[in-house]
Amino acid sequence: MTPYHRYCKGQENEGDLVIKFYRSGEKIRGYVRKVAASQDDDAIFPGEEMSPAAAFEIARSHVRDNHLILVELAEGVEWDRAWGDLVV
């Protein structure tokens, strides 16, 4: 199973993927962005508002060796253990 890491600003490296989860009405939604070099803008993957399952699938399919999948939880969003393990 893919290990997910809790996002802390400043810990990301070029090539890491960040999944941000937030509340949209009663649902938890998310989007995935790839961290770019400091002089470039990060790339956001299509389907900006997607289910957690879709966000994890996109992140797992696009992560490269030696890069992390980081998870950012917006205020009011708690980690669901069914999503896997979250390394703090």
C-alpha atoms as a PDB file:
ATOM      1  CA  MET A   1       0.000   0.000   0.000  1.00  0.00           C
ATOM      2  CA  THR A   2       1.228   3.502  -0.827  1.00  0.00           C
ATOM      3  CA  PRO A   3       2.281   5.497   2.248  1.00  0.00           C
ATOM      4  CA  TYR A   4       0.813   8.976   2.435  1.00  0.00           C
ATOM      5  CA  HIS A   5       2.596  11.766   4.276  1.00  0.00           C
ATOM      6  CA  ARG A   6       1.009  14.699   6.093  1.00  0.00           C
ATOM      7  CA  TYR A   7       1.721  17.920   4.199  1.00  0.00           C
ATOM      8  CA  CYS A   8       3.584  20.675   6.022  1.00  0.00           C
ATOM      9  CA  LYS A   9       4.363  23.847   4.093  1.00  0.00           C
ATOM     10  CA  GLY A  10       8.002  23.911   3.083  1.00  0.00           C
ATOM     11  CA  GLN A  11       8.576  20.148   3.239  1.00  0.00           C
ATOM     12  CA  GLU A  12       7.602  19.485  -0.374  1.00  0.00           C
ATOM     13  CA  ASN A  13      10.178  18.904  -3.086  1.00  0.00           C
ATOM     14  CA  GLU A  14       9.970  19.352  -6.823  1.00  0.00           C
ATOM     15  CA  GLY A  15       8.083  16.364  -8.247  1.00  0.00           C
ATOM     16  CA  ASP A  16       6.129  15.527  -5.066  1.00  0.00           C
ATOM     17  CA  LEU A  17       2.354  15.313  -5.357  1.00  0.00           C
ATOM     18  CA  VAL A  18       0.015  17.064  -2.935  1.00  0.00           C
ATOM     19  CA  ILE A  19      -3.584  15.961  -2.451  1.00  0.00           C
ATOM     20  CA  LYS A  20      -5.676  18.626  -0.754  1.00  0.00           C
ATOM     21  CA  PHE A  21      -8.956  17.532   0.811  1.00  0.00           C
ATOM     22  CA  TYR A  22     -11.660  20.037   1.728  1.00  0.00           C
ATOM     23  CA  ARG A  23     -15.386  20.106   2.439  1.00  0.00           C
ATOM     24  CA  SER A  24     -17.812  20.846  -0.372  1.00  0.00           C
ATOM     25  CA  GLY A  25     -21.261  20.794   1.156  1.00  0.00           C
ATOM     26  CA  GLU A  26     -21.604  17.479   2.949  1.00  0.00           C
ATOM     27  CA  LYS A  27     -18.886  15.742   0.914  1.00  0.00           C
ATOM     28  CA  ILE A  28     -15.115  15.551   1.169  1.00  0.00           C
ATOM     29  CA  ARG A  29     -13.587  16.541  -2.151  1.00  0.00           C
ATOM     30  CA  GLY A  30     -10.005  16.917  -3.280  1.00  0.00           C
ATOM     31  CA  TYR A  31      -7.581  17.922  -5.976  1.00  0.00           C
ATOM     32  CA  VAL A  32      -4.044  16.886  -6.863  1.00  0.00           C
ATOM     33  CA  ARG A  33      -1.138  19.151  -7.720  1.00  0.00           C
ATOM     34  CA  LYS A  34       2.425  18.368  -8.700  1.00  0.00           C
ATOM     35  CA  VAL A  35       5.079  20.539  -7.063  1.00  0.00           C
ATOM     36  CA  ALA A  36       7.081  22.387  -9.709  1.00  0.00           C
ATOM     37  CA  ALA A  37      10.503  23.964  -9.602  1.00  0.00           C
ATOM     38  CA  SER A  38      10.508  27.195  -7.598  1.00  0.00           C
ATOM     39  CA  GLN A  39      10.451  29.403 -10.682  1.00  0.00           C
ATOM     40  CA  ASP A  40       7.448  27.581 -12.206  1.00  0.00           C
ATOM     41  CA  ASP A  41       3.810  27.222 -11.193  1.00  0.00           C
ATOM     42  CA  ASP A  42       2.645  23.908  -9.738  1.00  0.00           C
ATOM     43  CA  ALA A  43       0.618  21.739 -12.111  1.00  0.00           C
ATOM     44  CA  ILE A  44      -2.958  20.953 -11.062  1.00  0.00           C
ATOM     45  CA  PHE A  45      -4.394  17.768 -12.513  1.00  0.00           C
ATOM     46  CA  PRO A  46      -7.733  17.929 -14.376  1.00  0.00           C
ATOM     47  CA  GLY A  47     -10.940  17.276 -12.506  1.00  0.00           C
ATOM     48  CA  GLU A  48     -10.213  19.822  -9.796  1.00  0.00           C
ATOM     49  CA  GLU A  49     -13.050  18.699  -7.533  1.00  0.00           C
ATOM     50  CA  MET A  50     -12.934  14.918  -7.223  1.00  0.00           C
ATOM     51  CA  SER A  51     -13.720  12.192  -4.731  1.00  0.00           C
ATOM     52  CA  PRO A  52     -10.983  11.019  -2.345  1.00  0.00           C
ATOM     53  CA  ALA A  53     -10.768   7.700  -4.229  1.00  0.00           C
ATOM     54  CA  ALA A  54     -10.204   9.491  -7.548  1.00  0.00           C
ATOM     55  CA  ALA A  55      -7.602  11.837  -6.011  1.00  0.00           C
ATOM     56  CA  PHE A  56      -5.637   8.907  -4.566  1.00  0.00           C
ATOM     57  CA  GLU A  57      -5.840   7.030  -7.882  1.00  0.00           C
ATOM     58  CA  ILE A  58      -4.477   9.983  -9.855  1.00  0.00           C
ATOM     59  CA  ALA A  59      -1.700  10.577  -7.322  1.00  0.00           C
ATOM     60  CA  ARG A  60      -0.633   6.923  -7.262  1.00  0.00           C
ATOM     61  CA  SER A  61      -0.598   6.718 -11.053  1.00  0.00           C
ATOM     62  CA  HIS A  62       1.522   9.881 -11.443  1.00  0.00           C
ATOM     63  CA  VAL A  63       3.994   9.642  -8.565  1.00  0.00           C
ATOM     64  CA  ARG A  64       7.557   8.830  -9.592  1.00  0.00           C
ATOM     65  CA  ASP A  65      10.336   7.050  -7.715  1.00  0.00           C
ATOM     66  CA  ASN A  66      11.730   8.915  -4.720  1.00  0.00           C
ATOM     67  CA  HIS A  67       8.818  11.366  -4.640  1.00  0.00           C
ATOM     68  CA  LEU A  68       6.162  11.572  -1.957  1.00  0.00           C
ATOM     69  CA  ILE A  69       2.406  11.782  -1.958  1.00  0.00           C
ATOM     70  CA  LEU A  70       1.611  14.490   0.578  1.00  0.00           C
ATOM     71  CA  VAL A  71      -1.876  15.010   2.017  1.00  0.00           C
ATOM     72  CA  GLU A  72      -3.185  18.398   3.107  1.00  0.00           C
ATOM     73  CA  LEU A  73      -6.381  18.425   5.154  1.00  0.00           C
ATOM     74  CA  ALA A  74      -8.350  21.677   5.105  1.00  0.00           C
ATOM     75  CA  GLU A  75      -9.991  22.855   8.291  1.00  0.00           C
ATOM     76  CA  GLY A  76     -12.772  20.494   9.336  1.00  0.00           C
ATOM     77  CA  VAL A  77     -11.467  17.491   7.377  1.00  0.00           C
ATOM     78  CA  GLU A  78     -10.228  14.479   9.311  1.00  0.00           C
ATOM     79  CA  TRP A  79      -8.216  11.562   7.948  1.00  0.00           C
ATOM     80  CA  ASP A  80     -10.301   8.474   7.172  1.00  0.00           C
ATOM     81  CA  ARG A  81      -8.322   5.345   8.097  1.00  0.00           C
ATOM     82  CA  ALA A  82     -10.025   3.527   5.203  1.00  0.00           C
ATOM     83  CA  TRP A  83      -7.861   5.668   2.879  1.00  0.00           C
ATOM     84  CA  GLY A  84      -4.677   4.001   4.179  1.00  0.00           C
ATOM     85  CA  ASP A  85      -1.824   4.980   6.459  1.00  0.00           C
ATOM     86  CA  LEU A  86      -0.910   8.605   7.023  1.00  0.00           C
ATOM     87  CA  VAL A  87       2.659   9.257   8.126  1.00  0.00           C
ATOM     88  CA  VAL A  88       2.906  12.404  10.213  1.00  0.00           C
END
